[in-house]
N, C-alpha and C. Protein backbone atom coordinates (compact mmCIF):
# COMPACT_ATOMS: atom_id res chain seq x y z
N MET A 1 29.02 -28.31 -38.32
CA MET A 1 27.61 -28.05 -38.54
C MET A 1 27.17 -26.92 -37.62
N GLU A 2 26.44 -26.00 -38.17
CA GLU A 2 25.93 -24.89 -37.38
C GLU A 2 24.69 -25.32 -36.59
N ASP A 3 24.59 -24.84 -35.35
CA ASP A 3 23.43 -25.17 -34.52
C ASP A 3 22.14 -24.70 -35.18
N PHE A 4 21.10 -25.48 -35.01
CA PHE A 4 19.77 -25.18 -35.53
C PHE A 4 18.91 -24.83 -34.32
N VAL A 5 18.46 -23.58 -34.22
CA VAL A 5 17.77 -23.09 -33.03
C VAL A 5 16.38 -22.55 -33.39
N ARG A 6 15.40 -22.90 -32.57
CA ARG A 6 14.05 -22.36 -32.72
C ARG A 6 13.52 -22.01 -31.32
N ILE A 7 12.74 -20.94 -31.27
CA ILE A 7 12.09 -20.53 -30.01
C ILE A 7 10.59 -20.46 -30.27
N PHE A 8 9.81 -21.02 -29.35
CA PHE A 8 8.36 -21.03 -29.46
C PHE A 8 7.77 -20.30 -28.26
N GLN A 9 6.78 -19.48 -28.49
CA GLN A 9 6.08 -18.81 -27.40
C GLN A 9 4.59 -19.11 -27.51
N THR A 10 4.01 -19.50 -26.39
CA THR A 10 2.59 -19.81 -26.37
C THR A 10 1.78 -18.54 -26.12
N SER A 11 0.50 -18.61 -26.36
CA SER A 11 -0.38 -17.46 -26.11
C SER A 11 -0.44 -17.11 -24.63
N GLU A 12 -0.10 -18.10 -23.76
CA GLU A 12 -0.08 -17.86 -22.31
C GLU A 12 1.25 -17.24 -21.86
N GLY A 13 2.22 -17.14 -22.76
CA GLY A 13 3.50 -16.53 -22.43
C GLY A 13 4.63 -17.48 -22.12
N ASP A 14 4.39 -18.79 -22.15
CA ASP A 14 5.47 -19.75 -21.95
C ASP A 14 6.41 -19.70 -23.15
N VAL A 15 7.70 -19.82 -22.88
CA VAL A 15 8.69 -19.76 -23.95
C VAL A 15 9.54 -21.04 -23.91
N TYR A 16 9.67 -21.67 -25.08
CA TYR A 16 10.44 -22.90 -25.23
C TYR A 16 11.57 -22.65 -26.21
N HIS A 17 12.69 -23.31 -25.97
CA HIS A 17 13.88 -23.17 -26.79
C HIS A 17 14.34 -24.57 -27.19
N ILE A 18 14.53 -24.80 -28.49
CA ILE A 18 15.04 -26.08 -28.97
C ILE A 18 16.29 -25.83 -29.81
N THR A 19 17.31 -26.63 -29.53
CA THR A 19 18.56 -26.55 -30.29
C THR A 19 18.91 -27.96 -30.76
N LEU A 20 19.24 -28.07 -32.04
CA LEU A 20 19.77 -29.32 -32.59
C LEU A 20 21.20 -29.01 -33.00
N SER A 21 22.14 -29.76 -32.44
CA SER A 21 23.55 -29.50 -32.72
C SER A 21 24.35 -30.80 -32.65
N GLU A 22 25.53 -30.77 -33.28
CA GLU A 22 26.39 -31.95 -33.23
C GLU A 22 26.70 -32.28 -31.79
N ASP A 23 26.61 -33.55 -31.46
CA ASP A 23 26.82 -34.00 -30.08
C ASP A 23 27.81 -35.15 -30.09
N GLU A 24 29.06 -34.82 -29.88
CA GLU A 24 30.10 -35.84 -29.89
C GLU A 24 30.45 -36.30 -28.48
N GLY A 25 29.84 -35.69 -27.47
CA GLY A 25 30.20 -35.98 -26.09
C GLY A 25 29.60 -37.24 -25.51
N VAL A 26 28.61 -37.83 -26.16
CA VAL A 26 27.94 -38.99 -25.57
C VAL A 26 28.51 -40.32 -26.04
N LEU A 27 29.29 -40.30 -27.11
CA LEU A 27 29.83 -41.55 -27.66
C LEU A 27 31.32 -41.67 -27.42
N SER A 28 31.79 -42.90 -27.44
CA SER A 28 33.22 -43.16 -27.33
C SER A 28 33.91 -42.70 -28.62
N VAL A 29 35.22 -42.56 -28.55
CA VAL A 29 36.01 -42.15 -29.72
C VAL A 29 35.86 -43.19 -30.84
N ASP A 30 35.89 -44.48 -30.48
CA ASP A 30 35.74 -45.53 -31.49
C ASP A 30 34.39 -45.45 -32.20
N ALA A 31 33.33 -45.20 -31.44
CA ALA A 31 31.99 -45.10 -32.04
C ALA A 31 31.92 -43.88 -32.96
N LEU A 32 32.48 -42.77 -32.53
CA LEU A 32 32.47 -41.56 -33.36
C LEU A 32 33.21 -41.80 -34.67
N GLU A 33 34.33 -42.50 -34.61
CA GLU A 33 35.09 -42.80 -35.83
C GLU A 33 34.31 -43.71 -36.76
N SER A 34 33.49 -44.59 -36.20
CA SER A 34 32.68 -45.51 -37.01
C SER A 34 31.59 -44.78 -37.79
N LEU A 35 31.19 -43.62 -37.31
CA LEU A 35 30.13 -42.87 -37.99
C LEU A 35 30.58 -42.33 -39.33
N LYS A 36 31.87 -42.07 -39.48
CA LYS A 36 32.48 -41.54 -40.70
C LYS A 36 31.79 -40.26 -41.14
N GLU A 37 31.03 -40.27 -42.24
CA GLU A 37 30.43 -39.04 -42.77
C GLU A 37 29.07 -38.71 -42.15
N ILE A 38 28.62 -39.50 -41.21
CA ILE A 38 27.33 -39.27 -40.54
C ILE A 38 27.57 -38.47 -39.25
N SER A 39 26.77 -37.43 -39.05
CA SER A 39 26.87 -36.62 -37.83
C SER A 39 25.84 -37.08 -36.82
N LEU A 40 26.26 -37.15 -35.56
CA LEU A 40 25.34 -37.42 -34.47
C LEU A 40 24.87 -36.07 -33.94
N VAL A 41 23.56 -35.89 -33.93
CA VAL A 41 22.98 -34.61 -33.54
C VAL A 41 22.15 -34.80 -32.28
N GLY A 42 22.40 -33.94 -31.30
CA GLY A 42 21.64 -33.97 -30.06
C GLY A 42 20.55 -32.92 -30.07
N ILE A 43 19.53 -33.16 -29.27
CA ILE A 43 18.42 -32.22 -29.12
C ILE A 43 18.47 -31.68 -27.70
N GLU A 44 18.46 -30.37 -27.59
CA GLU A 44 18.32 -29.73 -26.28
C GLU A 44 17.01 -28.96 -26.30
N LEU A 45 16.14 -29.32 -25.41
CA LEU A 45 14.84 -28.68 -25.32
C LEU A 45 14.68 -28.11 -23.91
N ARG A 46 14.46 -26.81 -23.83
CA ARG A 46 14.31 -26.16 -22.53
C ARG A 46 13.10 -25.24 -22.53
N ARG A 47 12.52 -25.12 -21.37
CA ARG A 47 11.48 -24.12 -21.15
C ARG A 47 12.18 -22.92 -20.55
N LEU A 48 12.13 -21.79 -21.25
CA LEU A 48 12.81 -20.60 -20.76
C LEU A 48 11.98 -19.84 -19.73
N SER A 49 10.67 -19.89 -19.90
CA SER A 49 9.80 -19.21 -18.94
C SER A 49 8.41 -19.82 -18.97
N GLY A 50 7.70 -19.64 -17.86
CA GLY A 50 6.33 -20.14 -17.74
C GLY A 50 6.29 -21.51 -17.10
N ASN A 51 5.09 -21.89 -16.66
CA ASN A 51 4.92 -23.23 -16.08
C ASN A 51 3.53 -23.79 -16.38
N ASN A 52 2.92 -23.31 -17.45
CA ASN A 52 1.64 -23.86 -17.87
C ASN A 52 1.86 -25.23 -18.52
N PRO A 53 0.81 -26.04 -18.56
CA PRO A 53 0.96 -27.32 -19.28
C PRO A 53 1.36 -27.07 -20.73
N THR A 54 2.23 -27.93 -21.24
CA THR A 54 2.66 -27.80 -22.63
C THR A 54 1.54 -28.28 -23.53
N GLY A 55 1.05 -27.39 -24.37
CA GLY A 55 -0.09 -27.70 -25.23
C GLY A 55 0.29 -28.41 -26.52
N HIS A 56 -0.72 -28.87 -27.22
CA HIS A 56 -0.52 -29.59 -28.48
C HIS A 56 0.15 -28.71 -29.53
N ASP A 57 -0.11 -27.40 -29.49
CA ASP A 57 0.50 -26.52 -30.49
C ASP A 57 2.02 -26.48 -30.34
N VAL A 58 2.51 -26.45 -29.11
CA VAL A 58 3.96 -26.46 -28.88
C VAL A 58 4.54 -27.82 -29.25
N LEU A 59 3.88 -28.90 -28.84
CA LEU A 59 4.37 -30.23 -29.19
C LEU A 59 4.43 -30.42 -30.71
N ALA A 60 3.42 -29.92 -31.41
CA ALA A 60 3.41 -30.01 -32.88
C ALA A 60 4.54 -29.18 -33.49
N ALA A 61 4.82 -28.02 -32.91
CA ALA A 61 5.92 -27.18 -33.41
C ALA A 61 7.26 -27.88 -33.18
N ILE A 62 7.41 -28.54 -32.06
CA ILE A 62 8.64 -29.29 -31.78
C ILE A 62 8.78 -30.44 -32.77
N GLU A 63 7.69 -31.17 -33.01
CA GLU A 63 7.70 -32.27 -33.99
C GLU A 63 8.14 -31.76 -35.36
N ARG A 64 7.52 -30.66 -35.81
CA ARG A 64 7.85 -30.09 -37.13
C ARG A 64 9.31 -29.67 -37.21
N THR A 65 9.79 -29.04 -36.15
CA THR A 65 11.18 -28.57 -36.13
C THR A 65 12.14 -29.74 -36.31
N ILE A 66 11.95 -30.78 -35.53
CA ILE A 66 12.84 -31.95 -35.62
C ILE A 66 12.70 -32.62 -36.99
N ALA A 67 11.46 -32.78 -37.46
CA ALA A 67 11.23 -33.44 -38.75
C ALA A 67 11.83 -32.63 -39.89
N ASP A 68 11.65 -31.33 -39.90
CA ASP A 68 12.21 -30.49 -40.96
C ASP A 68 13.74 -30.54 -40.96
N PHE A 69 14.33 -30.48 -39.78
CA PHE A 69 15.78 -30.56 -39.65
C PHE A 69 16.27 -31.89 -40.24
N PHE A 70 15.63 -32.97 -39.82
CA PHE A 70 16.05 -34.31 -40.26
C PHE A 70 15.85 -34.49 -41.76
N LYS A 71 14.74 -34.01 -42.27
CA LYS A 71 14.42 -34.15 -43.69
C LYS A 71 15.46 -33.44 -44.57
N GLU A 72 15.96 -32.30 -44.11
CA GLU A 72 16.90 -31.50 -44.89
C GLU A 72 18.33 -32.03 -44.83
N ARG A 73 18.61 -32.95 -43.91
CA ARG A 73 19.98 -33.44 -43.72
C ARG A 73 19.99 -34.97 -43.78
N LYS A 74 20.49 -35.49 -44.87
CA LYS A 74 20.50 -36.94 -45.09
C LYS A 74 21.63 -37.63 -44.34
N ASP A 75 22.57 -36.85 -43.82
CA ASP A 75 23.76 -37.41 -43.21
C ASP A 75 23.78 -37.26 -41.68
N VAL A 76 22.60 -37.32 -41.05
CA VAL A 76 22.54 -37.18 -39.59
C VAL A 76 21.76 -38.33 -38.96
N ILE A 77 22.13 -38.61 -37.74
CA ILE A 77 21.36 -39.46 -36.84
C ILE A 77 21.12 -38.60 -35.61
N ILE A 78 19.88 -38.56 -35.13
CA ILE A 78 19.54 -37.73 -33.99
C ILE A 78 19.50 -38.58 -32.73
N CYS A 79 20.05 -38.04 -31.66
CA CYS A 79 20.04 -38.71 -30.37
C CYS A 79 19.48 -37.75 -29.33
N TYR A 80 18.37 -38.13 -28.71
CA TYR A 80 17.72 -37.29 -27.70
C TYR A 80 17.81 -37.97 -26.35
N TYR A 81 18.36 -37.25 -25.37
CA TYR A 81 18.48 -37.74 -24.00
C TYR A 81 17.34 -37.16 -23.18
N CYS A 82 16.56 -38.01 -22.55
CA CYS A 82 15.44 -37.57 -21.71
C CYS A 82 15.97 -37.25 -20.33
N ASP A 83 16.04 -35.96 -20.01
CA ASP A 83 16.67 -35.58 -18.75
C ASP A 83 15.75 -35.81 -17.56
N PHE A 84 16.37 -35.95 -16.40
CA PHE A 84 15.63 -36.19 -15.16
C PHE A 84 15.83 -35.05 -14.17
N ILE A 85 16.60 -34.05 -14.56
CA ILE A 85 16.92 -32.96 -13.64
C ILE A 85 15.77 -31.97 -13.54
N ASN A 86 15.21 -31.59 -14.67
CA ASN A 86 14.15 -30.59 -14.67
C ASN A 86 12.80 -31.24 -14.43
N PRO A 87 12.09 -30.77 -13.40
CA PRO A 87 10.76 -31.32 -13.14
C PRO A 87 9.78 -30.95 -14.26
N ILE A 88 8.73 -31.69 -14.34
CA ILE A 88 7.69 -31.41 -15.33
C ILE A 88 6.52 -30.78 -14.58
N PRO A 89 6.19 -29.51 -14.88
CA PRO A 89 5.09 -28.87 -14.18
C PRO A 89 3.80 -29.67 -14.30
N HIS A 90 3.02 -29.65 -13.26
CA HIS A 90 1.69 -30.27 -13.23
C HIS A 90 1.73 -31.80 -13.27
N THR A 91 2.88 -32.39 -12.96
CA THR A 91 2.93 -33.85 -12.91
C THR A 91 3.41 -34.35 -11.56
N SER A 92 3.39 -33.49 -10.55
CA SER A 92 3.93 -33.89 -9.25
C SER A 92 3.14 -35.04 -8.62
N LYS A 93 1.89 -35.21 -8.99
CA LYS A 93 1.09 -36.30 -8.45
C LYS A 93 1.35 -37.61 -9.20
N ASN A 94 2.04 -37.52 -10.30
CA ASN A 94 2.35 -38.68 -11.11
C ASN A 94 3.59 -39.36 -10.53
N SER A 95 3.52 -40.65 -10.31
CA SER A 95 4.65 -41.37 -9.73
C SER A 95 5.72 -41.71 -10.78
N MET A 96 5.46 -41.42 -12.03
CA MET A 96 6.42 -41.72 -13.09
C MET A 96 7.55 -40.69 -13.06
N PRO A 97 8.79 -41.14 -13.08
CA PRO A 97 9.92 -40.20 -13.08
C PRO A 97 9.90 -39.33 -14.35
N PRO A 98 10.42 -38.09 -14.26
CA PRO A 98 10.40 -37.18 -15.41
C PRO A 98 11.04 -37.75 -16.67
N GLN A 99 12.15 -38.51 -16.51
CA GLN A 99 12.81 -39.03 -17.71
C GLN A 99 11.96 -40.09 -18.40
N GLU A 100 11.23 -40.90 -17.65
CA GLU A 100 10.35 -41.89 -18.26
C GLU A 100 9.16 -41.21 -18.92
N TYR A 101 8.63 -40.19 -18.27
CA TYR A 101 7.52 -39.42 -18.84
C TYR A 101 7.95 -38.81 -20.18
N ARG A 102 9.13 -38.17 -20.19
CA ARG A 102 9.64 -37.56 -21.42
C ARG A 102 9.88 -38.61 -22.50
N SER A 103 10.38 -39.77 -22.09
CA SER A 103 10.64 -40.84 -23.05
C SER A 103 9.34 -41.31 -23.71
N ARG A 104 8.35 -41.56 -22.91
CA ARG A 104 7.07 -42.02 -23.46
C ARG A 104 6.43 -40.95 -24.35
N LEU A 105 6.50 -39.69 -23.90
CA LEU A 105 5.93 -38.60 -24.69
C LEU A 105 6.66 -38.47 -26.03
N PHE A 106 7.99 -38.49 -26.00
CA PHE A 106 8.77 -38.35 -27.22
C PHE A 106 8.47 -39.49 -28.19
N ASP A 107 8.37 -40.71 -27.67
CA ASP A 107 8.04 -41.87 -28.51
C ASP A 107 6.67 -41.70 -29.15
N ARG A 108 5.69 -41.29 -28.37
CA ARG A 108 4.33 -41.10 -28.92
C ARG A 108 4.29 -39.98 -29.95
N MET A 109 5.02 -38.90 -29.67
CA MET A 109 5.08 -37.80 -30.64
C MET A 109 5.67 -38.28 -31.96
N PHE A 110 6.75 -39.05 -31.88
CA PHE A 110 7.40 -39.56 -33.08
C PHE A 110 6.45 -40.47 -33.85
N GLN A 111 5.86 -41.44 -33.16
CA GLN A 111 4.96 -42.40 -33.83
C GLN A 111 3.77 -41.68 -34.46
N ARG A 112 3.21 -40.69 -33.76
CA ARG A 112 2.09 -39.91 -34.28
C ARG A 112 2.49 -39.16 -35.54
N TYR A 113 3.64 -38.51 -35.52
CA TYR A 113 4.09 -37.72 -36.66
C TYR A 113 4.34 -38.60 -37.87
N ILE A 114 5.02 -39.73 -37.66
CA ILE A 114 5.30 -40.66 -38.76
C ILE A 114 4.01 -41.16 -39.40
N LYS A 115 3.05 -41.54 -38.56
CA LYS A 115 1.79 -42.06 -39.06
C LYS A 115 0.98 -40.97 -39.77
N LEU A 116 0.89 -39.80 -39.16
CA LEU A 116 0.11 -38.70 -39.71
C LEU A 116 0.62 -38.26 -41.08
N HIS A 117 1.94 -38.31 -41.27
CA HIS A 117 2.54 -37.84 -42.51
C HIS A 117 2.93 -38.97 -43.46
N GLY A 118 2.59 -40.22 -43.12
CA GLY A 118 2.87 -41.35 -43.99
C GLY A 118 4.34 -41.52 -44.31
N ILE A 119 5.19 -41.29 -43.34
CA ILE A 119 6.64 -41.33 -43.55
C ILE A 119 7.12 -42.78 -43.44
N LYS A 120 7.91 -43.18 -44.39
CA LYS A 120 8.48 -44.53 -44.43
C LYS A 120 10.00 -44.43 -44.33
N GLY A 121 10.62 -45.47 -43.81
CA GLY A 121 12.08 -45.55 -43.81
C GLY A 121 12.78 -44.80 -42.70
N ILE A 122 12.04 -44.25 -41.75
CA ILE A 122 12.61 -43.55 -40.60
C ILE A 122 12.23 -44.33 -39.36
N ARG A 123 13.19 -44.56 -38.49
CA ARG A 123 12.97 -45.37 -37.29
C ARG A 123 13.39 -44.62 -36.04
N LEU A 124 12.83 -45.08 -34.93
CA LEU A 124 13.18 -44.59 -33.61
C LEU A 124 13.54 -45.78 -32.74
N SER A 125 14.71 -45.71 -32.15
CA SER A 125 15.14 -46.76 -31.23
C SER A 125 15.28 -46.13 -29.85
N VAL A 126 14.69 -46.77 -28.84
CA VAL A 126 14.80 -46.29 -27.47
C VAL A 126 15.85 -47.12 -26.75
N VAL A 127 16.84 -46.44 -26.21
CA VAL A 127 17.91 -47.09 -25.45
C VAL A 127 17.64 -46.80 -23.99
N GLU A 128 17.34 -47.86 -23.24
CA GLU A 128 17.04 -47.73 -21.81
C GLU A 128 18.21 -48.30 -21.03
N ILE A 129 18.73 -47.48 -20.11
CA ILE A 129 19.91 -47.87 -19.35
C ILE A 129 19.56 -47.82 -17.86
N ASN A 130 19.83 -48.91 -17.16
CA ASN A 130 19.60 -48.95 -15.72
C ASN A 130 20.77 -48.29 -15.00
N GLY A 131 20.51 -47.10 -14.46
CA GLY A 131 21.52 -46.40 -13.68
C GLY A 131 21.48 -46.86 -12.23
N ILE A 132 22.24 -46.22 -11.39
CA ILE A 132 22.30 -46.60 -9.98
C ILE A 132 20.97 -46.32 -9.28
N ASN A 133 20.45 -45.12 -9.45
CA ASN A 133 19.21 -44.74 -8.78
C ASN A 133 18.04 -44.51 -9.72
N GLU A 134 18.30 -44.49 -11.01
CA GLU A 134 17.25 -44.22 -11.97
C GLU A 134 17.61 -44.81 -13.33
N LYS A 135 16.63 -44.78 -14.21
CA LYS A 135 16.87 -45.23 -15.57
C LYS A 135 17.17 -44.03 -16.44
N TYR A 136 18.00 -44.26 -17.46
CA TYR A 136 18.31 -43.24 -18.46
C TYR A 136 17.66 -43.68 -19.77
N TYR A 137 17.15 -42.71 -20.51
CA TYR A 137 16.50 -42.99 -21.79
C TYR A 137 17.13 -42.13 -22.87
N PHE A 138 17.57 -42.78 -23.93
CA PHE A 138 18.05 -42.11 -25.12
C PHE A 138 17.17 -42.55 -26.29
N HIS A 139 16.84 -41.62 -27.16
CA HIS A 139 16.08 -41.93 -28.36
C HIS A 139 16.97 -41.66 -29.56
N VAL A 140 17.09 -42.64 -30.43
CA VAL A 140 17.93 -42.52 -31.61
C VAL A 140 17.00 -42.56 -32.84
N ILE A 141 17.02 -41.47 -33.59
CA ILE A 141 16.20 -41.36 -34.81
C ILE A 141 17.15 -41.52 -36.00
N TYR A 142 16.79 -42.43 -36.90
CA TYR A 142 17.69 -42.74 -38.00
C TYR A 142 16.91 -43.22 -39.22
N ARG A 143 17.57 -43.15 -40.35
CA ARG A 143 17.03 -43.72 -41.57
C ARG A 143 17.36 -45.21 -41.58
N GLU A 144 16.51 -46.01 -42.21
CA GLU A 144 16.75 -47.46 -42.24
C GLU A 144 18.13 -47.81 -42.78
N ILE A 145 18.63 -47.03 -43.70
CA ILE A 145 19.96 -47.33 -44.26
C ILE A 145 21.06 -47.17 -43.22
N HIS A 146 20.75 -46.52 -42.09
CA HIS A 146 21.72 -46.33 -41.01
C HIS A 146 21.43 -47.24 -39.81
N SER A 147 20.70 -48.32 -40.04
CA SER A 147 20.32 -49.22 -38.95
C SER A 147 21.52 -49.78 -38.18
N LEU A 148 22.55 -50.18 -38.89
CA LEU A 148 23.73 -50.73 -38.22
C LEU A 148 24.41 -49.69 -37.35
N LEU A 149 24.47 -48.45 -37.86
CA LEU A 149 25.06 -47.37 -37.06
C LEU A 149 24.21 -47.08 -35.82
N ALA A 150 22.89 -47.09 -35.99
CA ALA A 150 22.00 -46.85 -34.85
C ALA A 150 22.17 -47.93 -33.79
N THR A 151 22.32 -49.17 -34.21
CA THR A 151 22.54 -50.27 -33.27
C THR A 151 23.87 -50.08 -32.54
N MET A 152 24.90 -49.68 -33.27
CA MET A 152 26.21 -49.43 -32.68
C MET A 152 26.13 -48.27 -31.68
N ILE A 153 25.39 -47.23 -32.01
CA ILE A 153 25.21 -46.09 -31.10
C ILE A 153 24.52 -46.55 -29.82
N GLY A 154 23.47 -47.35 -29.96
CA GLY A 154 22.76 -47.86 -28.79
C GLY A 154 23.67 -48.68 -27.89
N GLN A 155 24.49 -49.54 -28.49
CA GLN A 155 25.41 -50.37 -27.70
C GLN A 155 26.46 -49.50 -27.02
N ASP A 156 26.96 -48.50 -27.73
CA ASP A 156 27.98 -47.63 -27.15
C ASP A 156 27.39 -46.81 -25.99
N LEU A 157 26.16 -46.34 -26.13
CA LEU A 157 25.51 -45.61 -25.05
C LEU A 157 25.36 -46.50 -23.81
N LYS A 158 24.92 -47.73 -24.04
CA LYS A 158 24.76 -48.67 -22.92
C LYS A 158 26.08 -48.93 -22.21
N GLU A 159 27.13 -49.16 -22.99
CA GLU A 159 28.44 -49.41 -22.39
C GLU A 159 28.95 -48.19 -21.64
N GLY A 160 28.79 -47.02 -22.23
CA GLY A 160 29.31 -45.80 -21.63
C GLY A 160 28.55 -45.36 -20.39
N PHE A 161 27.24 -45.51 -20.39
CA PHE A 161 26.43 -45.01 -19.28
C PHE A 161 26.13 -46.07 -18.23
N SER A 162 26.51 -47.30 -18.48
CA SER A 162 26.28 -48.35 -17.49
C SER A 162 27.46 -48.48 -16.52
N LYS A 163 28.47 -47.69 -16.73
CA LYS A 163 29.67 -47.76 -15.87
C LYS A 163 29.45 -47.07 -14.56
């Protein structure tokens, strides 16, 4: 599968880069074999420049990008890892860790988009893993017909990242 890339620039000059691509590195070999004809797709979202608050226009563009990608491909399950390495500008006073903030934001964006567009049959599962010093959050977006695979992915992530 060819990578799906979009770049967004705000009127303030902030630049965001989103890539959706096959991600075989997060699952065990057994889990990958269980997927058969379904591809696991990861989301990489980066801010290339700027440090202004991320506005609703950028969040909406990100929502549309992910939704359009998913809508066009019936044979994918999306897995988004909420990273904790990159700080979130303008949230230093917030005691919530960046990965939890990203997890909650991603969940709300998904729920808002589904409701706003009356979408049925698409689900989001949040996989929360207790690490040594922090929690890890993975979001798995799937069609209801892939519920068993999504459950298997969640279990495999927990087993792999809890070690």
